[in-house]
Amino acid sequence: MVARYAVYYAAEPGSPLAEFGKHWLGRNGAPENAPLPNIPGISDARMHELTSGPRRYGFHGTLKPPFELHPATSLDSLLAAARIFAKSMAPVEMPALELAIIGKFIALTPITSSAALENLAAKCVRAFEGYRMPLTDQQIAHYRNNKLTVHQNSMLEHWGYPYVMEEFRFHISLTERIDDISERRAVMQVITEMAKDVVGKPLTIRDIAVFGQEERDQPMTVIERLPFGRAN
């Protein structure tokens, strides 16, 4: 297996949003784990299943999706480029977050679309494209199993991921897919209570974070946070 890296929005450490993520998933972008919440009728083992993907990737919003490094580049050069990129960026005001169901997954999403947020994500996709190893035929076939649209296929071929640029929808994943309606309702009820201090409040993105994982079954962790260098 090969290490992968990504550029994410990660809530400011110690902020209400970061604390919510840590308490819901047992971790955010740090390697340590904490106990998961107790939900009546849902076992600890099932809670680990329901949060396995979001917990592995860390509490985040994707800007540049995970990628393997191109052999002509290095982690040091990626981090250097990320520092330069961040210094050129001004803080981005993001609409307030709400809890939403996306394809039977529970996530935090902005209550409205945001051109500034979409522009930030598009800039990240472009800025770090030269560091991405092209996908293999097997990896492309894996994505195409999800019945992509023509435009999503085009994004996959061009940028290595189908849900970028015009297909981008900012979200912070909180669960895996939950097919059972009653189970999803029980989980949503607990998340709603836990997230009451973070929903409905606008956010300001003041930095980006480079995450990495040594193996795909290992957690993504923060390698470096990079503050934006320009004023609004």
C-alpha atoms as a PDB file:
ATOM      1  CA  MET A   1       0.000   0.000   0.000  1.00  0.00           C
ATOM      2  CA  VAL A   2       1.010   3.619  -0.570  1.00  0.00           C
ATOM      3  CA  ALA A   3       0.627   6.664   1.656  1.00  0.00           C
ATOM      4  CA  ARG A   4      -2.063   9.171   0.720  1.00  0.00           C
ATOM      5  CA  TYR A   5      -2.472  12.852   1.433  1.00  0.00           C
ATOM      6  CA  ALA A   6      -5.343  15.328   1.305  1.00  0.00           C
ATOM      7  CA  VAL A   7      -6.082  19.004   1.872  1.00  0.00           C
ATOM      8  CA  TYR A   8      -8.955  19.513   4.277  1.00  0.00           C
ATOM      9  CA  TYR A   9     -10.810  22.102   6.243  1.00  0.00           C
ATOM     10  CA  ALA A  10     -10.376  21.058   9.871  1.00  0.00           C
ATOM     11  CA  ALA A  11     -12.128  22.937  12.646  1.00  0.00           C
ATOM     12  CA  GLU A  12      -9.866  25.088  14.797  1.00  0.00           C
ATOM     13  CA  PRO A  13      -8.601  23.024  17.762  1.00  0.00           C
ATOM     14  CA  GLY A  14     -10.573  23.792  20.897  1.00  0.00           C
ATOM     15  CA  SER A  15     -13.460  25.384  18.990  1.00  0.00           C
ATOM     16  CA  PRO A  16     -17.039  24.178  19.610  1.00  0.00           C
ATOM     17  CA  LEU A  17     -17.046  22.502  16.187  1.00  0.00           C
ATOM     18  CA  ALA A  18     -13.779  20.665  16.847  1.00  0.00           C
ATOM     19  CA  GLU A  19     -14.987  19.560  20.277  1.00  0.00           C
ATOM     20  CA  PHE A  20     -18.221  18.253  18.779  1.00  0.00           C
ATOM     21  CA  GLY A  21     -16.258  16.272  16.183  1.00  0.00           C
ATOM     22  CA  LYS A  22     -13.973  14.800  18.817  1.00  0.00           C
ATOM     23  CA  HIS A  23     -16.866  13.763  21.048  1.00  0.00           C
ATOM     24  CA  TRP A  24     -18.958  12.334  18.200  1.00  0.00           C
ATOM     25  CA  LEU A  25     -16.245  10.428  16.327  1.00  0.00           C
ATOM     26  CA  GLY A  26     -13.853   9.815  19.198  1.00  0.00           C
ATOM     27  CA  ARG A  27     -11.201  11.789  17.299  1.00  0.00           C
ATOM     28  CA  ASN A  28     -10.795  14.694  14.879  1.00  0.00           C
ATOM     29  CA  GLY A  29      -7.486  15.028  13.083  1.00  0.00           C
ATOM     30  CA  ALA A  30      -5.310  13.756  15.906  1.00  0.00           C
ATOM     31  CA  PRO A  31      -4.298  10.099  16.190  1.00  0.00           C
ATOM     32  CA  GLU A  32      -5.712   9.486  19.670  1.00  0.00           C
ATOM     33  CA  ASN A  33      -9.109   7.856  20.152  1.00  0.00           C
ATOM     34  CA  ALA A  34     -11.801   8.535  22.754  1.00  0.00           C
ATOM     35  CA  PRO A  35     -14.969   6.566  23.575  1.00  0.00           C
ATOM     36  CA  LEU A  36     -17.869   6.919  21.149  1.00  0.00           C
ATOM     37  CA  PRO A  37     -21.269   8.188  22.357  1.00  0.00           C
ATOM     38  CA  ASN A  38     -23.796   5.761  23.776  1.00  0.00           C
ATOM     39  CA  ILE A  39     -27.054   5.564  21.802  1.00  0.00           C
ATOM     40  CA  PRO A  40     -29.926   3.511  23.257  1.00  0.00           C
ATOM     41  CA  GLY A  41     -30.548   0.409  21.165  1.00  0.00           C
ATOM     42  CA  ILE A  42     -27.236   0.656  19.288  1.00  0.00           C
ATOM     43  CA  SER A  43     -24.304  -1.452  20.475  1.00  0.00           C
ATOM     44  CA  ASP A  44     -20.738  -0.194  20.785  1.00  0.00           C
ATOM     45  CA  ALA A  45     -19.749  -2.478  17.908  1.00  0.00           C
ATOM     46  CA  ARG A  46     -22.498  -1.033  15.716  1.00  0.00           C
ATOM     47  CA  MET A  47     -21.439   2.523  16.613  1.00  0.00           C
ATOM     48  CA  HIS A  48     -17.931   1.687  15.425  1.00  0.00           C
ATOM     49  CA  GLU A  49     -19.419   0.443  12.138  1.00  0.00           C
ATOM     50  CA  LEU A  50     -21.614   3.517  11.709  1.00  0.00           C
ATOM     51  CA  THR A  51     -18.700   5.910  12.217  1.00  0.00           C
ATOM     52  CA  SER A  52     -15.837   3.871  10.739  1.00  0.00           C
ATOM     53  CA  GLY A  53     -15.230   5.926   7.592  1.00  0.00           C
ATOM     54  CA  PRO A  54     -15.596   9.401   9.127  1.00  0.00           C
ATOM     55  CA  ARG A  55     -13.473   8.300  12.089  1.00  0.00           C
ATOM     56  CA  ARG A  56     -10.721   6.951   9.827  1.00  0.00           C
ATOM     57  CA  TYR A  57     -10.588  10.107   7.708  1.00  0.00           C
ATOM     58  CA  GLY A  58     -10.895  12.474  10.665  1.00  0.00           C
ATOM     59  CA  PHE A  59     -13.438  15.222  11.319  1.00  0.00           C
ATOM     60  CA  HIS A  60     -13.057  17.384   8.224  1.00  0.00           C
ATOM     61  CA  GLY A  61     -14.471  18.968   5.102  1.00  0.00           C
ATOM     62  CA  THR A  62     -12.689  17.883   1.925  1.00  0.00           C
ATOM     63  CA  LEU A  63     -11.048  20.513  -0.279  1.00  0.00           C
ATOM     64  CA  LYS A  64      -8.515  18.385  -2.218  1.00  0.00           C
ATOM     65  CA  PRO A  65      -9.581  14.715  -2.010  1.00  0.00           C
ATOM     66  CA  PRO A  66      -7.068  12.051  -0.901  1.00  0.00           C
ATOM     67  CA  PHE A  67      -4.376  11.206  -3.437  1.00  0.00           C
ATOM     68  CA  GLU A  68      -1.143   9.271  -3.727  1.00  0.00           C
ATOM     69  CA  LEU A  69       1.940  11.411  -4.323  1.00  0.00           C
ATOM     70  CA  HIS A  70       3.323  11.601  -7.831  1.00  0.00           C
ATOM     71  CA  PRO A  71       6.813  10.010  -7.826  1.00  0.00           C
ATOM     72  CA  ALA A  72       8.362  13.226  -9.151  1.00  0.00           C
ATOM     73  CA  THR A  73       7.245  15.037  -5.990  1.00  0.00           C
ATOM     74  CA  SER A  74       7.650  14.592  -2.238  1.00  0.00           C
ATOM     75  CA  LEU A  75       5.820  15.324   0.984  1.00  0.00           C
ATOM     76  CA  ASP A  76       8.259  18.165   1.673  1.00  0.00           C
ATOM     77  CA  SER A  77       7.496  19.804  -1.670  1.00  0.00           C
ATOM     78  CA  LEU A  78       3.747  19.318  -1.128  1.00  0.00           C
ATOM     79  CA  LEU A  79       3.960  21.029   2.253  1.00  0.00           C
ATOM     80  CA  ALA A  80       6.057  23.855   0.807  1.00  0.00           C
ATOM     81  CA  ALA A  81       3.458  24.409  -1.910  1.00  0.00           C
ATOM     82  CA  ALA A  82       0.664  24.313   0.665  1.00  0.00           C
ATOM     83  CA  ARG A  83       2.392  27.005   2.729  1.00  0.00           C
ATOM     84  CA  ILE A  84       2.729  29.253  -0.307  1.00  0.00           C
ATOM     85  CA  PHE A  85      -0.876  28.626  -1.299  1.00  0.00           C
ATOM     86  CA  ALA A  86      -2.184  29.390   2.188  1.00  0.00           C
ATOM     87  CA  LYS A  87      -0.227  32.635   2.410  1.00  0.00           C
ATOM     88  CA  SER A  88      -1.965  33.817  -0.766  1.00  0.00           C
ATOM     89  CA  MET A  89      -5.456  33.180   0.611  1.00  0.00           C
ATOM     90  CA  ALA A  90      -7.780  35.377   2.666  1.00  0.00           C
ATOM     91  CA  PRO A  91     -10.246  34.018   5.247  1.00  0.00           C
ATOM     92  CA  VAL A  92     -13.431  32.580   3.761  1.00  0.00           C
ATOM     93  CA  GLU A  93     -16.802  33.211   5.376  1.00  0.00           C
ATOM     94  CA  MET A  94     -18.868  30.035   5.326  1.00  0.00           C
ATOM     95  CA  PRO A  95     -22.645  29.862   5.814  1.00  0.00           C
ATOM     96  CA  ALA A  96     -23.969  28.348   9.012  1.00  0.00           C
ATOM     97  CA  LEU A  97     -24.001  24.561   9.195  1.00  0.00           C
ATOM     98  CA  GLU A  98     -27.019  22.290   9.486  1.00  0.00           C
ATOM     99  CA  LEU A  99     -27.480  18.552   9.862  1.00  0.00           C
ATOM    100  CA  ALA A 100     -28.492  16.854   6.628  1.00  0.00           C
ATOM    101  CA  ILE A 101     -29.033  13.417   5.116  1.00  0.00           C
ATOM    102  CA  ILE A 102     -26.914  12.871   2.003  1.00  0.00           C
ATOM    103  CA  GLY A 103     -27.673   9.533   0.378  1.00  0.00           C
ATOM    104  CA  LYS A 104     -28.577   8.018   3.791  1.00  0.00           C
ATOM    105  CA  PHE A 105     -25.367   9.366   5.348  1.00  0.00           C
ATOM    106  CA  ILE A 106     -25.614  11.994   8.096  1.00  0.00           C
ATOM    107  CA  ALA A 107     -23.427  15.058   7.602  1.00  0.00           C
ATOM    108  CA  LEU A 108     -23.003  18.708   8.475  1.00  0.00           C
ATOM    109  CA  THR A 109     -23.544  20.931   5.439  1.00  0.00           C
ATOM    110  CA  PRO A 110     -23.851  24.694   4.852  1.00  0.00           C
ATOM    111  CA  ILE A 111     -27.463  25.878   4.887  1.00  0.00           C
ATOM    112  CA  THR A 112     -26.891  27.636   1.547  1.00  0.00           C
ATOM    113  CA  SER A 113     -24.384  27.371  -1.276  1.00  0.00           C
ATOM    114  CA  SER A 114     -21.310  29.579  -1.035  1.00  0.00           C
ATOM    115  CA  ALA A 115     -19.389  30.831  -4.056  1.00  0.00           C
ATOM    116  CA  ALA A 116     -16.429  31.719  -1.821  1.00  0.00           C
ATOM    117  CA  LEU A 117     -16.280  28.208  -0.363  1.00  0.00           C
ATOM    118  CA  GLU A 118     -16.674  26.576  -3.776  1.00  0.00           C
ATOM    119  CA  ASN A 119     -13.915  28.832  -5.117  1.00  0.00           C
ATOM    120  CA  LEU A 120     -11.589  27.812  -2.270  1.00  0.00           C
ATOM    121  CA  ALA A 121     -12.172  24.128  -2.996  1.00  0.00           C
ATOM    122  CA  ALA A 122     -11.624  24.599  -6.740  1.00  0.00           C
ATOM    123  CA  LYS A 123      -8.376  26.478  -6.083  1.00  0.00           C
ATOM    124  CA  CYS A 124      -7.170  23.663  -3.826  1.00  0.00           C
ATOM    125  CA  VAL A 125      -7.976  21.035  -6.447  1.00  0.00           C
ATOM    126  CA  ARG A 126      -6.014  22.946  -9.084  1.00  0.00           C
ATOM    127  CA  ALA A 127      -3.108  24.069  -6.887  1.00  0.00           C
ATOM    128  CA  PHE A 128      -2.136  20.566  -5.759  1.00  0.00           C
ATOM    129  CA  GLU A 129      -2.980  18.638  -8.918  1.00  0.00           C
ATOM    130  CA  GLY A 130       0.674  18.348  -9.896  1.00  0.00           C
ATOM    131  CA  TYR A 131       1.322  16.344  -6.729  1.00  0.00           C
ATOM    132  CA  ARG A 132      -1.322  13.712  -7.482  1.00  0.00           C
ATOM    133  CA  MET A 133      -0.439  10.308  -8.882  1.00  0.00           C
ATOM    134  CA  PRO A 134      -2.819   9.485 -11.780  1.00  0.00           C
ATOM    135  CA  LEU A 135      -5.445   6.889 -10.940  1.00  0.00           C
ATOM    136  CA  THR A 136      -4.999   3.317 -12.089  1.00  0.00           C
ATOM    137  CA  ASP A 137      -7.615   1.665 -14.298  1.00  0.00           C
ATOM    138  CA  GLN A 138      -8.728  -0.341 -11.268  1.00  0.00           C
ATOM    139  CA  GLN A 139      -9.227   2.816  -9.194  1.00  0.00           C
ATOM    140  CA  ILE A 140     -11.208   4.467 -11.997  1.00  0.00           C
ATOM    141  CA  ALA A 141     -13.394   1.361 -12.323  1.00  0.00           C
ATOM    142  CA  HIS A 142     -14.078   1.472  -8.577  1.00  0.00           C
ATOM    143  CA  TYR A 143     -15.480   5.004  -8.838  1.00  0.00           C
ATOM    144  CA  ARG A 144     -17.500   4.135 -11.928  1.00  0.00           C
ATOM    145  CA  ASN A 145     -19.315   1.429  -9.988  1.00  0.00           C
ATOM    146  CA  ASN A 146     -21.219   4.333  -8.393  1.00  0.00           C
ATOM    147  CA  LYS A 147     -23.069   5.112 -11.665  1.00  0.00           C
ATOM    148  CA  LEU A 148     -21.496   8.486 -12.320  1.00  0.00           C
ATOM    149  CA  THR A 149     -22.992  11.087 -14.615  1.00  0.00           C
ATOM    150  CA  VAL A 150     -21.182  12.130 -17.790  1.00  0.00           C
ATOM    151  CA  HIS A 151     -19.868  15.244 -16.060  1.00  0.00           C
ATOM    152  CA  GLN A 152     -18.777  13.323 -12.967  1.00  0.00           C
ATOM    153  CA  ASN A 153     -16.885  10.920 -15.224  1.00  0.00           C
ATOM    154  CA  SER A 154     -15.192  13.912 -16.816  1.00  0.00           C
ATOM    155  CA  MET A 155     -14.161  15.233 -13.392  1.00  0.00           C
ATOM    156  CA  LEU A 156     -12.867  11.776 -12.439  1.00  0.00           C
ATOM    157  CA  GLU A 157     -10.708  11.561 -15.550  1.00  0.00           C
ATOM    158  CA  HIS A 158      -9.424  15.123 -15.256  1.00  0.00           C
ATOM    159  CA  TRP A 159      -8.983  15.573 -11.493  1.00  0.00           C
ATOM    160  CA  GLY A 160      -8.960  12.029 -10.078  1.00  0.00           C
ATOM    161  CA  TYR A 161     -12.261  12.416  -8.218  1.00  0.00           C
ATOM    162  CA  PRO A 162     -15.828  12.763  -9.512  1.00  0.00           C
ATOM    163  CA  TYR A 163     -17.184  15.238  -6.958  1.00  0.00           C
ATOM    164  CA  VAL A 164     -15.051  18.319  -7.536  1.00  0.00           C
ATOM    165  CA  MET A 165     -15.523  21.668  -9.281  1.00  0.00           C
ATOM    166  CA  GLU A 166     -19.194  21.991 -10.302  1.00  0.00           C
ATOM    167  CA  GLU A 167     -19.936  18.655  -8.589  1.00  0.00           C
ATOM    168  CA  PHE A 168     -18.493  19.833  -5.267  1.00  0.00           C
ATOM    169  CA  ARG A 169     -20.747  19.961  -2.225  1.00  0.00           C
ATOM    170  CA  PHE A 170     -19.023  20.862   1.016  1.00  0.00           C
ATOM    171  CA  HIS A 171     -19.899  18.531   3.873  1.00  0.00           C
ATOM    172  CA  ILE A 172     -18.475  17.077   7.057  1.00  0.00           C
ATOM    173  CA  SER A 173     -19.341  13.373   7.192  1.00  0.00           C
ATOM    174  CA  LEU A 174     -20.614  12.057  10.514  1.00  0.00           C
ATOM    175  CA  THR A 175     -21.730   8.507   9.680  1.00  0.00           C
ATOM    176  CA  GLU A 176     -21.589   5.734   7.169  1.00  0.00           C
ATOM    177  CA  ARG A 177     -24.727   4.999   5.135  1.00  0.00           C
ATOM    178  CA  ILE A 178     -27.597   4.091   7.483  1.00  0.00           C
ATOM    179  CA  ASP A 179     -30.317   2.222   5.592  1.00  0.00           C
ATOM    180  CA  ASP A 180     -32.599   1.477   8.530  1.00  0.00           C
ATOM    181  CA  ILE A 181     -34.889   4.479   9.037  1.00  0.00           C
ATOM    182  CA  SER A 182     -35.441   3.921  12.762  1.00  0.00           C
ATOM    183  CA  GLU A 183     -31.719   3.506  13.366  1.00  0.00           C
ATOM    184  CA  ARG A 184     -30.965   6.629  11.362  1.00  0.00           C
ATOM    185  CA  ARG A 185     -33.602   8.524  13.332  1.00  0.00           C
ATOM    186  CA  ALA A 186     -32.074   7.395  16.651  1.00  0.00           C
ATOM    187  CA  VAL A 187     -28.599   8.455  15.553  1.00  0.00           C
ATOM    188  CA  MET A 188     -29.857  11.780  14.233  1.00  0.00           C
ATOM    189  CA  GLN A 189     -31.619  12.497  17.518  1.00  0.00           C
ATOM    190  CA  VAL A 190     -28.378  12.101  19.479  1.00  0.00           C
ATOM    191  CA  ILE A 191     -26.305  14.046  16.951  1.00  0.00           C
ATOM    192  CA  THR A 192     -28.851  16.869  16.997  1.00  0.00           C
ATOM    193  CA  GLU A 193     -28.472  17.237  20.749  1.00  0.00           C
ATOM    194  CA  MET A 194     -24.675  17.005  20.622  1.00  0.00           C
ATOM    195  CA  ALA A 195     -24.402  19.508  17.750  1.00  0.00           C
ATOM    196  CA  LYS A 196     -26.760  22.143  19.158  1.00  0.00           C
ATOM    197  CA  ASP A 197     -23.868  24.538  19.859  1.00  0.00           C
ATOM    198  CA  VAL A 198     -22.459  24.347  16.317  1.00  0.00           C
ATOM    199  CA  VAL A 199     -25.452  24.307  13.966  1.00  0.00           C
ATOM    200  CA  GLY A 200     -26.940  27.576  12.816  1.00  0.00           C
ATOM    201  CA  LYS A 201     -23.746  29.535  13.370  1.00  0.00           C
ATOM    202  CA  PRO A 202     -21.621  30.949  10.509  1.00  0.00           C
ATOM    203  CA  LEU A 203     -17.968  29.955  10.358  1.00  0.00           C
ATOM    204  CA  THR A 204     -14.789  31.544   9.090  1.00  0.00           C
ATOM    205  CA  ILE A 205     -12.169  29.350   7.417  1.00  0.00           C
ATOM    206  CA  ARG A 206      -8.790  30.786   8.376  1.00  0.00           C
ATOM    207  CA  ASP A 207      -6.523  27.914   7.402  1.00  0.00           C
ATOM    208  CA  ILE A 208      -6.237  24.619   5.593  1.00  0.00           C
ATOM    209  CA  ALA A 209      -4.699  21.397   6.824  1.00  0.00           C
ATOM    210  CA  VAL A 210      -2.639  18.757   5.051  1.00  0.00           C
ATOM    211  CA  PHE A 211      -3.664  15.301   6.278  1.00  0.00           C
ATOM    212  CA  GLY A 212      -1.917  12.022   5.584  1.00  0.00           C
ATOM    213  CA  GLN A 213      -2.158   8.277   6.160  1.00  0.00           C
ATOM    214  CA  GLU A 214       0.571   5.674   5.785  1.00  0.00           C
ATOM    215  CA  GLU A 215      -1.855   2.929   4.745  1.00  0.00           C
ATOM    216  CA  ARG A 216      -5.471   3.099   3.580  1.00  0.00           C
ATOM    217  CA  ASP A 217      -6.746   1.246   6.631  1.00  0.00           C
ATOM    218  CA  GLN A 218      -4.949   3.637   8.989  1.00  0.00           C
ATOM    219  CA  PRO A 219      -6.401   6.954  10.202  1.00  0.00           C
ATOM    220  CA  MET A 220      -5.817  10.213   8.383  1.00  0.00           C
ATOM    221  CA  THR A 221      -4.047  12.622  10.737  1.00  0.00           C
ATOM    222  CA  VAL A 222      -3.023  16.266  10.541  1.00  0.00           C
ATOM    223  CA  ILE A 223       0.510  16.750   9.257  1.00  0.00           C
ATOM    224  CA  GLU A 224       0.449  20.546   9.220  1.00  0.00           C
ATOM    225  CA  ARG A 225      -2.080  23.358   9.581  1.00  0.00           C
ATOM    226  CA  LEU A 226      -1.442  26.303   7.272  1.00  0.00           C
ATOM    227  CA  PRO A 227      -2.918  29.713   8.193  1.00  0.00           C
ATOM    228  CA  PHE A 228      -4.158  32.038   5.484  1.00  0.00           C
ATOM    229  CA  GLY A 229      -1.882  35.034   5.009  1.00  0.00           C
ATOM    230  CA  ARG A 230      -4.094  37.711   3.454  1.00  0.00           C
ATOM    231  CA  ALA A 231      -6.655  39.972   5.071  1.00  0.00           C
ATOM    232  CA  ASN A 232     -10.134  40.207   3.616  1.00  0.00           C
END
